[in-house]
């Protein structure tokens, strides 16, 4: 097993509503309902069955290190542009594969955030140049509960998630 596909891209943009309209009107991306449309919008390509294919986040205010919905006020480093690519996300088939990659990133000192986003579980890491990437596992539709469908960025509790989804 290993990486299955590129799951989504996340861009920092100067005006989230304007960029959302552009990607919707020109390329047919459908915005998903969200609670902070001025700060972050997740979109789905016209013929995609993916949860989201492109996310548009308000320009980088230092949240690359702290998580987009909980900025701690850090000033972006020189390698963290105010607009442009935030991160790419690759998808894996199993939660165990996500954990294997997490452990390898930890051993290399490259592990960043570990987050529970409800419908998917994510591990973030930095490549040797400090570029951020995400590896994600999506909960199968048949295993989703109502609480999973609510957008969030909680800490990923491995023991709980492995007990719940370890056999999937």
Foldseek 3Di string as FASTA:
>chain_A
DAFDFFQAWEKADAFQVVVVCCCCVPQNWAWDDDDCSRAKTFTDGNPDPGPGHYMYGHFDQPCLQPPSVDDPRDHDDPVRGRTTTSEIETEDAAPVNQVVVQVVCVVVVFWGAWWQQLQKTWTWGADPVGRIYIYIYGDDPVLHDPRSPDGDTHGDDVVVVCVSGVVD
